[in-house]
Amino acid sequence: MAMKRAMSEDPVLALPDVSKSFEVHTDASDFALGGVLMEECHPVAYESRKLNEEERRYMTHEKELLVVVHCLRVWRHCLLGLSFIVRTDNTAVSHFLSQSKLTSKQARWQELLAEFNFILEYRAGSTNSIADALSRRAELDQVALMAMNAIVRADSRVTINIGKKIRKALTKDPVAQQLLKLIESGKSAFEIVNGQQPLLPHTVNVPNAGKSPRAISFKEEWRQNIDLAHSYPEKAARRMKKHADKNRRSQEFNVGDKVMVKLLPQDRKFLRGRDSRLL
């Protein structure tokens, strides 16, 4: 009978119909965002996510704005080009589109919202139960912990000594013991995998005192790469000088000719007290 009812009754989520008017109901808490896309009071899609560390420091009205922006991004394919309503339980958000003074973050949000054709309407939080539930699921962690403690106390088969049992089992596991030895050896993960520490610039220029051909070859290759890197600026300088010399012409002067000389700043200290323009 249950299968028959599931096949014959309407689905929990309705399929989107562009001929009907969409409504987006949003809500935000200190931990998460939540929203629901609806048509004629029937849910079409749900959306929720946790807030990251930076978003948790937002002001209340910024969190409410963030959930609107997030939901419109997610349902862009359904809402772009249509007229719809966004319902929120924060009065400040309902006046956001007409706000003149904006932070850089709010200006980016307003620019994104300008792509959509919608109306922001205020709705009391008590009537926005679906979105409110989606945004506050993170607060149920304490309830889940209380339920788990109740199960532990009620069922004698569930014990809180599971940690001791795991540690005891690890002592008999050869793979775990091998990993433990590697950790206690003090070696880095790179050394454990490759058998040696990574080569750093200050450790490469070492005299060929060892007997490892691979190390000597690596050092020579490293030195060649350094020399090659130094040669590129020198090559570029020669090319620029060659290009600049094309505009120069040979000029001969006779004894007694007056010429204008341009001196570099570091040369002027030798000509103090003289007229440095003419020599």
Protein backbone atom coordinates (compact mmCIF):
# COMPACT_ATOMS: atom_id res chain seq x y z
CA MET A 1 0.00 0.00 0.00
CA ALA A 2 2.82 2.41 0.81
CA MET A 3 4.36 1.89 -2.64
CA LYS A 4 0.95 2.37 -4.27
CA ARG A 5 0.39 5.64 -2.44
CA ALA A 6 3.89 6.88 -3.31
CA MET A 7 3.26 6.21 -7.01
CA SER A 8 -0.19 7.80 -7.07
CA GLU A 9 0.15 10.85 -4.80
CA ASP A 10 1.77 14.19 -5.67
CA PRO A 11 5.54 14.35 -5.12
CA VAL A 12 6.97 16.26 -2.18
CA LEU A 13 8.66 18.74 -4.53
CA ALA A 14 6.73 20.22 -7.42
CA LEU A 15 8.26 20.59 -10.86
CA PRO A 16 8.98 24.24 -11.76
CA ASP A 17 6.36 25.84 -14.01
CA VAL A 18 7.42 29.16 -15.58
CA SER A 19 3.78 30.07 -16.20
CA LYS A 20 3.28 30.39 -12.44
CA SER A 21 4.75 32.97 -10.08
CA PHE A 22 7.79 31.96 -8.03
CA GLU A 23 8.42 32.90 -4.40
CA VAL A 24 11.77 32.67 -2.61
CA HIS A 25 11.61 32.39 1.18
CA THR A 26 14.93 32.92 2.98
CA ASP A 27 16.27 32.95 6.53
CA ALA A 28 19.69 33.04 8.20
CA SER A 29 20.97 32.11 11.65
CA ASP A 30 24.35 32.45 13.33
CA PHE A 31 25.45 29.14 11.81
CA ALA A 32 23.75 28.58 8.46
CA LEU A 33 21.64 29.89 5.59
CA GLY A 34 18.38 28.42 4.35
CA GLY A 35 15.93 29.06 1.56
CA VAL A 36 13.03 27.47 -0.28
CA LEU A 37 11.75 28.09 -3.81
CA MET A 38 7.96 27.85 -3.97
CA GLU A 39 5.10 28.03 -6.47
CA GLU A 40 1.55 28.50 -5.20
CA CYS A 41 2.67 27.55 -1.65
CA HIS A 42 4.23 24.29 -2.88
CA PRO A 43 8.01 23.82 -2.50
CA VAL A 44 10.01 23.39 -5.69
CA ALA A 45 13.55 23.29 -4.26
CA TYR A 46 15.39 23.63 -0.97
CA GLU A 47 18.81 25.17 -0.35
CA SER A 48 20.94 25.44 2.78
CA ARG A 49 24.60 25.64 3.75
CA LYS A 50 26.78 26.46 6.73
CA LEU A 51 28.43 29.83 7.21
CA ASN A 52 32.21 30.00 7.13
CA GLU A 53 34.26 31.75 9.82
CA GLU A 54 34.24 35.13 8.03
CA GLU A 55 30.51 35.02 7.29
CA ARG A 56 29.70 34.26 10.93
CA ARG A 57 31.10 37.69 11.82
CA TYR A 58 28.64 39.46 9.51
CA MET A 59 25.96 41.68 10.99
CA THR A 60 22.46 40.20 11.17
CA HIS A 61 21.14 42.14 8.17
CA GLU A 62 24.24 41.16 6.14
CA LYS A 63 23.58 37.48 6.84
CA GLU A 64 19.99 37.96 5.69
CA LEU A 65 21.27 39.64 2.51
CA LEU A 66 23.81 36.88 1.98
CA VAL A 67 21.16 34.18 1.98
CA VAL A 68 19.14 36.10 -0.63
CA VAL A 69 22.21 36.44 -2.86
CA HIS A 70 23.14 32.79 -2.36
CA CYS A 71 19.67 31.46 -3.19
CA LEU A 72 19.34 33.60 -6.31
CA ARG A 73 22.72 32.36 -7.51
CA VAL A 74 21.68 28.73 -6.98
CA TRP A 75 18.27 29.13 -8.67
CA ARG A 76 19.45 31.53 -11.36
CA HIS A 77 18.43 29.09 -14.11
CA CYS A 78 14.84 29.14 -12.82
CA LEU A 79 14.46 32.83 -11.92
CA LEU A 80 16.44 34.84 -14.48
CA GLY A 81 14.07 36.69 -16.80
CA LEU A 82 10.99 36.07 -14.63
CA SER A 83 9.17 38.23 -12.10
CA PHE A 84 9.11 36.79 -8.59
CA ILE A 85 8.92 37.69 -4.89
CA VAL A 86 11.61 37.30 -2.22
CA ARG A 87 10.25 37.08 1.31
CA THR A 88 12.55 37.73 4.28
CA ASP A 89 11.99 38.20 8.01
CA ASN A 90 14.42 41.14 8.29
CA THR A 91 13.00 44.63 7.75
CA ALA A 92 16.39 46.12 6.80
CA VAL A 93 16.74 43.69 3.90
CA SER A 94 13.36 44.69 2.47
CA HIS A 95 14.74 48.23 1.89
CA PHE A 96 18.14 47.14 0.57
CA LEU A 97 17.46 47.85 -3.11
CA SER A 98 16.67 51.50 -2.37
CA GLN A 99 19.66 51.97 -0.04
CA SER A 100 22.12 54.63 -1.26
CA LYS A 101 25.14 54.19 1.04
CA LEU A 102 26.71 50.76 0.51
CA THR A 103 29.91 49.02 1.45
CA SER A 104 31.97 47.44 -1.32
CA LYS A 105 30.59 44.04 -0.39
CA GLN A 106 26.99 45.28 -0.44
CA ALA A 107 27.61 47.04 -3.77
CA ARG A 108 28.67 43.71 -5.31
CA TRP A 109 25.54 42.08 -3.95
CA GLN A 110 23.32 44.86 -5.27
CA GLU A 111 24.95 44.56 -8.70
CA LEU A 112 24.16 40.83 -8.76
CA LEU A 113 20.59 41.34 -7.58
CA ALA A 114 20.06 43.94 -10.30
CA GLU A 115 20.07 41.10 -12.85
CA PHE A 116 16.78 39.77 -11.46
CA ASN A 117 13.25 41.17 -11.60
CA PHE A 118 11.87 40.68 -8.10
CA ILE A 119 10.23 42.41 -5.15
CA LEU A 120 11.58 42.19 -1.60
CA GLU A 121 8.82 41.73 0.96
CA TYR A 122 8.99 41.46 4.73
CA ARG A 123 7.46 38.39 6.36
CA ALA A 124 7.44 37.64 10.07
CA GLY A 125 9.79 34.87 11.14
CA SER A 126 6.99 32.92 12.80
CA THR A 127 5.35 32.41 9.38
CA ASN A 128 8.62 31.50 7.63
CA SER A 129 8.98 28.08 9.23
CA ILE A 130 10.52 26.16 6.30
CA ALA A 131 13.44 28.49 5.62
CA ASP A 132 13.90 29.00 9.35
CA ALA A 133 14.26 25.26 9.87
CA LEU A 134 16.81 24.96 7.07
CA SER A 135 18.96 27.75 8.49
CA ARG A 136 18.97 26.47 12.07
CA ARG A 137 19.82 22.82 11.59
CA ALA A 138 23.36 23.46 12.78
CA GLU A 139 21.96 24.31 16.20
CA LEU A 140 20.69 20.74 16.55
CA ASP A 141 24.19 19.45 17.31
CA GLN A 142 23.62 19.84 21.04
CA VAL A 143 20.29 18.01 20.75
CA ALA A 144 21.99 15.15 18.90
CA LEU A 145 24.66 14.98 21.61
CA MET A 146 22.01 14.80 24.32
CA ALA A 147 20.25 12.02 22.41
CA MET A 148 23.50 10.05 22.08
CA ASN A 149 24.19 10.37 25.80
CA ALA A 150 20.68 9.12 26.51
CA ILE A 151 21.29 6.06 24.30
CA VAL A 152 24.57 5.31 26.06
CA ARG A 153 22.89 5.46 29.45
CA ALA A 154 19.90 3.36 28.34
CA ASP A 155 21.69 0.59 26.42
CA SER A 156 24.34 -1.33 28.34
CA ARG A 157 25.83 -2.64 25.09
CA VAL A 158 26.95 0.87 24.17
CA THR A 159 29.92 1.94 26.26
CA ILE A 160 32.07 5.04 26.37
CA ASN A 161 35.26 2.94 26.53
CA ILE A 162 35.43 2.59 22.76
CA GLY A 163 38.69 4.56 22.72
CA LYS A 164 40.42 1.98 24.92
CA LYS A 165 39.21 -0.83 22.68
CA ILE A 166 40.50 0.92 19.58
CA ARG A 167 43.93 1.49 21.15
CA LYS A 168 44.09 -2.17 22.19
CA ALA A 169 43.18 -3.31 18.68
CA LEU A 170 45.82 -1.05 17.14
CA THR A 171 48.54 -2.77 19.15
CA LYS A 172 47.73 -5.99 17.25
CA ASP A 173 47.53 -4.39 13.81
CA PRO A 174 50.87 -4.66 11.89
CA VAL A 175 50.09 -1.73 9.59
CA ALA A 176 49.28 0.53 12.53
CA GLN A 177 52.46 -0.54 14.32
CA GLN A 178 54.56 0.22 11.24
CA LEU A 179 53.01 3.69 10.96
CA LEU A 180 53.64 4.27 14.66
CA LYS A 181 57.34 3.40 14.24
CA LEU A 182 57.65 5.84 11.34
CA ILE A 183 56.02 8.60 13.36
CA GLU A 184 58.29 7.96 16.35
CA SER A 185 61.39 8.03 14.12
CA GLY A 186 61.04 11.80 13.79
CA LYS A 187 61.31 11.70 10.00
CA SER A 188 59.26 14.03 7.82
CA ALA A 189 56.59 12.71 5.47
CA PHE A 190 58.84 13.59 2.49
CA GLU A 191 61.73 11.60 3.91
CA ILE A 192 59.52 8.61 4.70
CA VAL A 193 58.25 8.47 1.11
CA ASN A 194 61.46 9.39 -0.78
CA GLY A 195 64.13 8.20 1.61
CA GLN A 196 65.78 11.62 1.97
CA GLN A 197 64.98 15.17 2.98
CA PRO A 198 64.06 17.65 0.22
CA LEU A 199 66.99 19.58 -1.22
CA LEU A 200 66.88 23.28 -0.42
CA PRO A 201 68.92 26.05 -2.11
CA HIS A 202 71.36 26.36 0.78
CA THR A 203 72.02 22.61 0.74
CA VAL A 204 72.69 22.29 -2.99
CA ASN A 205 76.05 24.10 -3.21
CA VAL A 206 78.00 21.42 -1.32
CA PRO A 207 81.47 20.16 -2.32
CA ASN A 208 81.56 16.80 -4.08
CA ALA A 209 82.66 14.99 -0.94
CA GLY A 210 80.09 12.23 -1.21
CA LYS A 211 80.11 9.12 -3.36
CA SER A 212 76.59 9.43 -4.74
CA PRO A 213 76.69 9.96 -8.54
CA ARG A 214 73.06 11.00 -8.48
CA ALA A 215 73.71 13.79 -5.97
CA ILE A 216 76.70 15.07 -7.97
CA SER A 217 74.69 15.00 -11.19
CA PHE A 218 71.82 16.85 -9.56
CA LYS A 219 74.19 19.52 -8.27
CA GLU A 220 75.74 20.05 -11.71
CA GLU A 221 72.31 20.28 -13.31
CA TRP A 222 71.22 22.79 -10.68
CA ARG A 223 74.34 24.89 -11.31
CA GLN A 224 73.70 24.86 -15.06
CA ASN A 225 70.16 26.07 -14.50
CA ILE A 226 71.46 28.93 -12.33
CA ASP A 227 74.00 29.93 -14.98
CA LEU A 228 71.31 29.79 -17.64
CA ALA A 229 69.05 32.01 -15.54
CA HIS A 230 71.89 34.54 -15.17
CA SER A 231 72.56 34.54 -18.91
CA TYR A 232 69.08 35.70 -19.86
CA PRO A 233 69.34 39.20 -18.28
CA GLU A 234 72.81 39.63 -19.80
CA LYS A 235 71.50 38.63 -23.22
CA ALA A 236 68.58 41.04 -22.87
CA ALA A 237 70.95 43.88 -21.86
CA ARG A 238 73.12 43.30 -24.93
CA ARG A 239 70.07 43.29 -27.17
CA MET A 240 68.79 46.57 -25.69
CA LYS A 241 72.23 48.18 -26.05
CA LYS A 242 72.40 47.12 -29.68
CA HIS A 243 69.00 48.67 -30.33
CA ALA A 244 69.97 51.92 -28.54
CA ASP A 245 73.26 52.19 -30.44
CA LYS A 246 71.39 52.32 -33.74
CA ASN A 247 70.37 55.92 -32.99
CA ARG A 248 73.92 57.01 -32.15
CA ARG A 249 76.31 58.51 -34.67
CA SER A 250 80.06 58.94 -34.60
CA GLN A 251 81.18 62.53 -33.94
CA GLU A 252 84.72 63.93 -34.00
CA PHE A 253 85.83 67.05 -32.10
CA ASN A 254 88.87 69.27 -32.39
CA VAL A 255 90.90 70.68 -29.55
CA GLY A 256 89.24 73.85 -28.28
CA ASP A 257 85.70 72.93 -29.37
CA LYS A 258 82.98 73.64 -26.84
CA VAL A 259 80.61 70.76 -26.26
CA MET A 260 77.61 70.11 -24.03
CA VAL A 261 78.20 67.18 -21.68
CA LYS A 262 75.51 65.40 -19.68
CA LEU A 263 76.92 64.01 -16.46
CA LEU A 264 75.45 61.28 -14.34
CA PRO A 265 74.52 62.22 -10.76
CA GLN A 266 77.41 60.24 -9.30
CA ASP A 267 79.88 62.24 -11.46
CA ARG A 268 78.70 65.67 -10.36
CA LYS A 269 80.44 65.46 -6.95
CA PHE A 270 83.81 65.84 -8.69
CA LEU A 271 82.79 69.14 -10.30
CA ARG A 272 81.58 71.13 -7.30
CA GLY A 273 82.30 74.83 -7.69
CA ARG A 274 82.55 74.56 -11.48
CA ASP A 275 80.08 75.18 -14.25
CA SER A 276 79.08 71.58 -14.95
CA ARG A 277 77.29 72.48 -18.17
CA LEU A 278 80.39 73.44 -20.16
CA LEU A 279 83.83 71.87 -20.07
